[in-house]
C-alpha atoms as a PDB file:
ATOM      1  CA  MET A   1      33.874 205.745 103.976  1.00  0.00           C
ATOM      2  CA  ALA A   2      32.837 202.400 105.449  1.00  0.00           C
ATOM      3  CA  ARG A   3      31.159 201.485 102.198  1.00  0.00           C
ATOM      4  CA  MET A   4      34.587 201.351 100.554  1.00  0.00           C
ATOM      5  CA  ALA A   5      35.223 198.195 102.522  1.00  0.00           C
ATOM      6  CA  ALA A   6      32.217 196.469 101.139  1.00  0.00           C
ATOM      7  CA  LEU A   7      33.376 196.569  97.553  1.00  0.00           C
ATOM      8  CA  LEU A   8      34.832 193.348  97.261  1.00  0.00           C
ATOM      9  CA  LEU A   9      34.509 193.569  95.204  1.00  0.00           C
ATOM     10  CA  ALA A  10      35.717 190.324  95.075  1.00  0.00           C
ATOM     11  CA  ALA A  11      35.702 189.960  95.741  1.00  0.00           C
ATOM     12  CA  ALA A  12      35.318 188.892  94.616  1.00  0.00           C
ATOM     13  CA  ALA A  13      36.537 190.786  94.532  1.00  0.00           C
ATOM     14  CA  GLY A  14      38.856 188.992  95.287  1.00  0.00           C
ATOM     15  CA  ALA A  15      38.206 186.340  92.827  1.00  0.00           C
ATOM     16  CA  THR A  16      34.664 185.733  92.458  1.00  0.00           C
ATOM     17  CA  SER A  17      32.669 183.250  90.545  1.00  0.00           C
ATOM     18  CA  PHE A  18      29.393 183.541  88.716  1.00  0.00           C
ATOM     19  CA  GLY A  19      27.949 183.281  85.253  1.00  0.00           C
ATOM     20  CA  SER A  20      25.090 181.264  83.768  1.00  0.00           C
ATOM     21  CA  VAL A  21      25.921 178.453  86.250  1.00  0.00           C
ATOM     22  CA  ALA A  22      26.651 179.288  89.865  1.00  0.00           C
ATOM     23  CA  ALA A  23      30.101 178.063  90.887  1.00  0.00           C
ATOM     24  CA  LEU A  24      28.893 175.733  93.640  1.00  0.00           C
ATOM     25  CA  ALA A  25      26.413 174.105  91.283  1.00  0.00           C
ATOM     26  CA  GLY A  26      29.287 172.962  89.014  1.00  0.00           C
ATOM     27  CA  ASP A  27      33.072 173.187  89.195  1.00  0.00           C
ATOM     28  CA  PRO A  28      34.191 175.901  91.645  1.00  0.00           C
ATOM     29  CA  PRO A  29      36.981 178.276  90.644  1.00  0.00           C
ATOM     30  CA  LYS A  30      40.533 177.186  91.387  1.00  0.00           C
ATOM     31  CA  GLY A  31      43.661 179.053  92.429  1.00  0.00           C
ATOM     32  CA  VAL A  32      44.350 182.725  93.059  1.00  0.00           C
ATOM     33  CA  PHE A  33      42.617 185.748  91.523  1.00  0.00           C
ATOM     34  CA  ILE A  34      43.997 189.241  92.037  1.00  0.00           C
ATOM     35  CA  TYR A  35      42.008 192.472  91.573  1.00  0.00           C
ATOM     36  CA  THR A  36      43.050 196.134  91.490  1.00  0.00           C
ATOM     37  CA  ILE A  37      40.911 198.632  93.324  1.00  0.00           C
ATOM     38  CA  ALA A  38      40.736 202.269  92.195  1.00  0.00           C
ATOM     39  CA  ARG A  39      38.993 205.362  93.578  1.00  0.00           C
ATOM     40  CA  ASN A  40      37.897 207.826  90.883  1.00  0.00           C
ATOM     41  CA  GLY A  41      40.461 206.147  88.626  1.00  0.00           C
ATOM     42  CA  ASP A  42      43.450 206.338  91.051  1.00  0.00           C
ATOM     43  CA  PRO A  43      44.775 203.033  92.430  1.00  0.00           C
ATOM     44  CA  VAL A  44      44.099 202.633  96.171  1.00  0.00           C
ATOM     45  CA  GLY A  45      44.290 198.928  96.865  1.00  0.00           C
ATOM     46  CA  GLN A  46      44.088 195.323  95.904  1.00  0.00           C
ATOM     47  CA  GLN A  47      42.073 192.203  96.621  1.00  0.00           C
ATOM     48  CA  ARG A  48      43.475 188.645  96.577  1.00  0.00           C
ATOM     49  CA  LEU A  49      40.913 185.847  96.368  1.00  0.00           C
ATOM     50  CA  GLU A  50      41.917 182.249  96.616  1.00  0.00           C
ATOM     51  CA  PHE A  51      39.870 179.077  96.131  1.00  0.00           C
ATOM     52  CA  VAL A  52      41.099 175.866  97.744  1.00  0.00           C
ATOM     53  CA  GLY A  53      39.201 172.623  97.035  1.00  0.00           C
ATOM     54  CA  ASP A  54      39.379 169.567  99.287  1.00  0.00           C
ATOM     55  CA  GLY A  55      36.930 166.919  98.127  1.00  0.00           C
ATOM     56  CA  GLU A  56      33.434 168.260  98.742  1.00  0.00           C
ATOM     57  CA  ARG A  57      34.805 171.099 100.857  1.00  0.00           C
ATOM     58  CA  LEU A  58      35.693 174.522  99.379  1.00  0.00           C
ATOM     59  CA  ARG A  59      37.631 177.234 101.202  1.00  0.00           C
ATOM     60  CA  VAL A  60      37.367 180.797  99.903  1.00  0.00           C
ATOM     61  CA  LEU A  61      40.075 183.093 101.212  1.00  0.00           C
ATOM     62  CA  SER A  62      39.981 186.852 100.670  1.00  0.00           C
ATOM     63  CA  HIS A  63      42.435 189.581 101.627  1.00  0.00           C
ATOM     64  CA  THR A  64      41.486 193.142 100.801  1.00  0.00           C
ATOM     65  CA  SER A  65      43.660 196.215 101.473  1.00  0.00           C
ATOM     66  CA  LEU A  66      42.752 199.864 100.753  1.00  0.00           C
ATOM     67  CA  ASP A  67      44.854 203.036 101.440  1.00  0.00           C
ATOM     68  CA  VAL A  68      43.275 206.319 100.323  1.00  0.00           C
ATOM     69  CA  SER A  69      45.564 209.339 100.597  1.00  0.00           C
ATOM     70  CA  PHE A  70      45.740 212.948  99.384  1.00  0.00           C
ATOM     71  CA  LEU A  71      48.866 215.095  99.245  1.00  0.00           C
ATOM     72  CA  GLY A  72      50.687 212.536 101.402  1.00  0.00           C
ATOM     73  CA  MET A  73      47.968 212.478 104.018  1.00  0.00           C
ATOM     74  CA  ASN A  74      46.165 209.245 104.809  1.00  0.00           C
ATOM     75  CA  LEU A  75      42.367 209.732 104.500  1.00  0.00           C
ATOM     76  CA  TYR A  76      41.148 206.198 104.888  1.00  0.00           C
ATOM     77  CA  GLY A  77      42.586 202.748 105.494  1.00  0.00           C
ATOM     78  CA  PHE A  78      40.943 199.328 105.352  1.00  0.00           C
ATOM     79  CA  GLU A  79      42.198 195.773 105.824  1.00  0.00           C
ATOM     80  CA  GLN A  80      40.032 192.658 105.792  1.00  0.00           C
ATOM     81  CA  GLN A  81      40.736 188.921 105.946  1.00  0.00           C
ATOM     82  CA  VAL A  82      37.842 186.595 105.171  1.00  0.00           C
ATOM     83  CA  GLU A  83      37.558 182.794 105.192  1.00  0.00           C
ATOM     84  CA  GLU A  84      34.366 181.023 103.967  1.00  0.00           C
ATOM     85  CA  VAL A  85      34.237 177.264 104.239  1.00  0.00           C
ATOM     86  CA  HIS A  86      31.569 175.580 102.035  1.00  0.00           C
ATOM     87  CA  GLU A  87      30.356 172.004 102.100  1.00  0.00           C
ATOM     88  CA  GLY A  88      27.154 170.457 100.772  1.00  0.00           C
ATOM     89  CA  GLY A  89      25.970 173.689  99.181  1.00  0.00           C
ATOM     90  CA  ARG A  90      26.112 175.714 102.396  1.00  0.00           C
ATOM     91  CA  ILE A  91      28.550 177.598 104.575  1.00  0.00           C
ATOM     92  CA  VAL A  92      29.866 175.524 107.478  1.00  0.00           C
ATOM     93  CA  SER A  93      32.112 178.194 108.930  1.00  0.00           C
ATOM     94  CA  LEU A  94      32.850 181.862 108.230  1.00  0.00           C
ATOM     95  CA  THR A  95      35.294 184.341 109.722  1.00  0.00           C
ATOM     96  CA  SER A  96      35.963 188.007 108.877  1.00  0.00           C
ATOM     97  CA  ASP A  97      38.544 190.152 110.632  1.00  0.00           C
ATOM     98  CA  ALA A  98      38.621 193.784 109.507  1.00  0.00           C
ATOM     99  CA  ASP A  99      40.394 196.998 110.508  1.00  0.00           C
ATOM    100  CA  ASP A 100      37.948 199.638 109.159  1.00  0.00           C
ATOM    101  CA  ASP A 101      40.053 202.832 109.418  1.00  0.00           C
ATOM    102  CA  GLY A 102      41.048 201.977 113.014  1.00  0.00           C
ATOM    103  CA  THR A 103      37.806 200.275 114.054  1.00  0.00           C
ATOM    104  CA  ASP A 104      37.971 196.530 114.587  1.00  0.00           C
ATOM    105  CA  LYS A 105      35.111 194.485 113.068  1.00  0.00           C
ATOM    106  CA  LYS A 106      35.177 190.765 113.710  1.00  0.00           C
ATOM    107  CA  VAL A 107      32.754 188.039 112.599  1.00  0.00           C
ATOM    108  CA  GLU A 108      32.820 184.403 113.672  1.00  0.00           C
ATOM    109  CA  LEU A 109      30.075 182.027 112.492  1.00  0.00           C
ATOM    110  CA  LYS A 110      29.755 178.230 112.527  1.00  0.00           C
ATOM    111  CA  LEU A 111      27.065 175.847 111.344  1.00  0.00           C
ATOM    112  CA  ALA A 112      24.834 174.665 114.197  1.00  0.00           C
ATOM    113  CA  GLY A 113      22.056 172.420 113.037  1.00  0.00           C
ATOM    114  CA  ASP A 114      20.492 174.052 110.007  1.00  0.00           C
ATOM    115  CA  ARG A 115      21.597 177.629 110.940  1.00  0.00           C
ATOM    116  CA  LEU A 116      24.849 179.541 110.774  1.00  0.00           C
ATOM    117  CA  LYS A 117      25.364 181.065 114.264  1.00  0.00           C
ATOM    118  CA  GLY A 118      27.957 183.149 116.004  1.00  0.00           C
ATOM    119  CA  THR A 119      28.924 186.674 116.898  1.00  0.00           C
ATOM    120  CA  TYR A 120      29.893 190.118 115.626  1.00  0.00           C
ATOM    121  CA  ASN A 121      32.652 191.677 117.750  1.00  0.00           C
ATOM    122  CA  GLU A 122      32.291 188.786 120.233  1.00  0.00           C
ATOM    123  CA  GLU A 123      29.083 190.290 121.664  1.00  0.00           C
ATOM    124  CA  THR A 124      26.272 190.722 119.162  1.00  0.00           C
ATOM    125  CA  GLU A 125      24.711 187.374 118.308  1.00  0.00           C
ATOM    126  CA  ARG A 126      24.020 186.395 114.695  1.00  0.00           C
ATOM    127  CA  ASP A 127      21.753 183.643 113.327  1.00  0.00           C
ATOM    128  CA  VAL A 128      21.545 183.371 109.487  1.00  0.00           C
ATOM    129  CA  ASP A 129      20.744 180.974 106.602  1.00  0.00           C
ATOM    130  CA  PRO A 130      23.932 179.012 105.701  1.00  0.00           C
ATOM    131  CA  LYS A 131      22.865 178.921 102.055  1.00  0.00           C
ATOM    132  CA  MET A 132      22.893 182.681 101.764  1.00  0.00           C
ATOM    133  CA  LYS A 133      25.323 184.435  99.327  1.00  0.00           C
ATOM    134  CA  THR A 134      27.865 186.744 100.871  1.00  0.00           C
ATOM    135  CA  SER A 135      29.146 190.242 100.059  1.00  0.00           C
ATOM    136  CA  LEU A 136      32.294 188.748  98.505  1.00  0.00           C
ATOM    137  CA  PHE A 137      29.864 188.152  95.631  1.00  0.00           C
ATOM    138  CA  TRP A 138      32.067 185.279  94.446  1.00  0.00           C
ATOM    139  CA  ASP A 139      28.950 183.135  94.061  1.00  0.00           C
ATOM    140  CA  GLU A 140      26.383 184.703  91.711  1.00  0.00           C
ATOM    141  CA  PRO A 141      23.326 186.246  93.418  1.00  0.00           C
ATOM    142  CA  ALA A 142      19.978 185.132  92.146  1.00  0.00           C
ATOM    143  CA  LEU A 143      18.009 187.559  89.947  1.00  0.00           C
ATOM    144  CA  GLY A 144      15.074 189.395  91.500  1.00  0.00           C
ATOM    145  CA  ASP A 145      14.559 189.935  95.208  1.00  0.00           C
ATOM    146  CA  SER A 146      17.220 188.289  97.324  1.00  0.00           C
ATOM    147  CA  ARG A 147      19.243 188.561 100.531  1.00  0.00           C
ATOM    148  CA  ILE A 148      23.008 188.974 100.955  1.00  0.00           C
ATOM    149  CA  LEU A 149      25.146 188.425 104.065  1.00  0.00           C
ATOM    150  CA  ASP A 150      27.222 191.607 104.624  1.00  0.00           C
ATOM    151  CA  LEU A 151      30.528 190.156 105.909  1.00  0.00           C
ATOM    152  CA  LEU A 152      31.708 193.346 107.653  1.00  0.00           C
ATOM    153  CA  ARG A 153      29.108 192.976 110.409  1.00  0.00           C
ATOM    154  CA  ALA A 154      27.320 189.717 109.519  1.00  0.00           C
ATOM    155  CA  LYS A 155      24.167 191.651 108.811  1.00  0.00           C
ATOM    156  CA  VAL A 156      21.528 190.368 106.306  1.00  0.00           C
ATOM    157  CA  ARG A 157      20.789 192.874 103.567  1.00  0.00           C
ATOM    158  CA  ASP A 158      17.677 192.841 101.353  1.00  0.00           C
ATOM    159  CA  VAL A 159      18.587 193.436  97.681  1.00  0.00           C
ATOM    160  CA  THR A 160      17.191 193.257  94.181  1.00  0.00           C
ATOM    161  CA  VAL A 161      19.424 191.827  91.423  1.00  0.00           C
ATOM    162  CA  THR A 162      18.820 192.980  87.815  1.00  0.00           C
ATOM    163  CA  ASP A 163      20.294 191.529  84.560  1.00  0.00           C
ATOM    164  CA  LEU A 164      21.733 194.303  82.329  1.00  0.00           C
ATOM    165  CA  GLY A 165      23.055 192.052  79.600  1.00  0.00           C
ATOM    166  CA  VAL A 166      26.544 191.540  78.069  1.00  0.00           C
ATOM    167  CA  GLU A 167      29.140 194.292  77.734  1.00  0.00           C
ATOM    168  CA  THR A 168      32.737 194.355  76.488  1.00  0.00           C
ATOM    169  CA  LEU A 169      35.217 195.555  79.142  1.00  0.00           C
ATOM    170  CA  LYS A 170      38.866 196.628  78.707  1.00  0.00           C
ATOM    171  CA  LEU A 171      40.567 195.444  81.959  1.00  0.00           C
ATOM    172  CA  PRO A 172      44.122 195.006  83.206  1.00  0.00           C
ATOM    173  CA  ALA A 173      43.655 191.239  82.483  1.00  0.00           C
ATOM    174  CA  GLY A 174      42.620 192.037  78.873  1.00  0.00           C
ATOM    175  CA  LYS A 175      39.474 192.616  76.822  1.00  0.00           C
ATOM    176  CA  ILE A 176      36.551 190.568  78.219  1.00  0.00           C
ATOM    177  CA  ASP A 177      32.930 190.102  77.238  1.00  0.00           C
ATOM    178  CA  ALA A 178      31.173 190.243  80.554  1.00  0.00           C
ATOM    179  CA  HIS A 179      27.660 189.777  81.958  1.00  0.00           C
ATOM    180  CA  HIS A 180      26.496 192.862  83.862  1.00  0.00           C
ATOM    181  CA  LEU A 181      24.418 192.535  87.007  1.00  0.00           C
ATOM    182  CA  ARG A 182      23.119 195.401  89.148  1.00  0.00           C
ATOM    183  CA  VAL A 183      22.506 194.995  92.873  1.00  0.00           C
ATOM    184  CA  SER A 184      20.173 197.530  94.438  1.00  0.00           C
ATOM    185  CA  GLY A 185      18.441 197.925  97.815  1.00  0.00           C
ATOM    186  CA  GLU A 186      20.315 197.754 101.090  1.00  0.00           C
ATOM    187  CA  MET A 187      23.538 197.021  99.176  1.00  0.00           C
ATOM    188  CA  LYS A 188      24.405 198.636  95.849  1.00  0.00           C
ATOM    189  CA  ARG A 189      26.887 197.169  93.337  1.00  0.00           C
ATOM    190  CA  GLU A 190      27.592 196.925  89.661  1.00  0.00           C
ATOM    191  CA  LEU A 191      29.040 193.465  88.969  1.00  0.00           C
ATOM    192  CA  TRP A 192      30.471 191.930  85.762  1.00  0.00           C
ATOM    193  CA  TYR A 193      31.204 188.185  85.275  1.00  0.00           C
ATOM    194  CA  ASP A 194      32.857 186.436  82.331  1.00  0.00           C
ATOM    195  CA  ALA A 195      31.504 183.409  80.452  1.00  0.00           C
ATOM    196  CA  ALA A 196      33.287 181.052  82.835  1.00  0.00           C
ATOM    197  CA  GLY A 197      31.438 182.635  85.834  1.00  0.00           C
ATOM    198  CA  ILE A 198      34.395 184.604  87.212  1.00  0.00           C
ATOM    199  CA  LEU A 199      33.885 188.106  88.592  1.00  0.00           C
ATOM    200  CA  VAL A 200      35.996 190.389  86.442  1.00  0.00           C
ATOM    201  CA  ALA A 201      34.845 193.819  87.638  1.00  0.00           C
ATOM    202  CA  GLY A 202      32.828 195.483  90.416  1.00  0.00           C
ATOM    203  CA  GLU A 203      31.856 199.040  91.183  1.00  0.00           C
ATOM    204  CA  LEU A 204      30.119 201.074  93.847  1.00  0.00           C
ATOM    205  CA  ARG A 205      29.478 204.662  94.756  1.00  0.00           C
ATOM    206  CA  ALA A 206      30.945 205.437  98.222  1.00  0.00           C
ATOM    207  CA  SER A 207      29.197 207.666 100.782  1.00  0.00           C
ATOM    208  CA  ASP A 208      31.521 210.564  99.933  1.00  0.00           C
ATOM    209  CA  GLY A 209      30.410 210.525  96.306  1.00  0.00           C
ATOM    210  CA  SER A 210      33.552 208.859  94.979  1.00  0.00           C
ATOM    211  CA  THR A 211      33.502 205.755  92.764  1.00  0.00           C
ATOM    212  CA  LEU A 212      35.327 202.633  93.763  1.00  0.00           C
ATOM    213  CA  ARG A 213      36.083 200.136  91.028  1.00  0.00           C
ATOM    214  CA  GLN A 214      37.530 196.676  91.211  1.00  0.00           C
ATOM    215  CA  GLU A 215      39.037 195.057  88.097  1.00  0.00           C
ATOM    216  CA  LEU A 216      40.621 191.683  87.416  1.00  0.00           C
ATOM    217  CA  LEU A 217      44.388 191.946  87.161  1.00  0.00           C
ATOM    218  CA  GLN A 218      45.547 188.344  87.259  1.00  0.00           C
ATOM    219  CA  ARG A 219      44.009 184.898  87.137  1.00  0.00           C
ATOM    220  CA  PRO A 220      45.475 181.402  87.589  1.00  0.00           C
END
């Protein structure tokens, strides 16, 4: 069930930003984006993604909450708070604090020289490229072979990103023509972005065979 946490979707999932021009290469998104999260069509959670600009600095704040139940019994719970701080085209600090069904997972990274360094659960050391995209997927991953920073454990994942063209989606936020990207490899996602580069939907297959889908509910 841990893969449910990774949907962020988001985050975008929580609001996410992509399109033909990556957000950090032009104007970043502004304000709060809210996404619904469903498991096999049944609502199980929500993601709130907020973008706060301060000059050349951009803060990306994500809060994701999942509660999967059956016949009144809780099967799986997940809460995650993420803060990414970007400046000069790279991450200068990153924190993620998650409760993965009762298991604490905490990431703290800061820019040190030309590397992003810190710890996972205050013990395991991490050293990564500060220009790497993260599993919030708010900033569009490059096509072809790439690497993504998995925020749950600050692990680097090797992926391949494929362009599947434009599709029309019917979402809670309305009917949207969206660009479909597929992420395969050590992380697997279906991602859709609108013409403005905002993530409008995300989908993944969880380890138990269920499908988790994130859809844009509200934008600024």
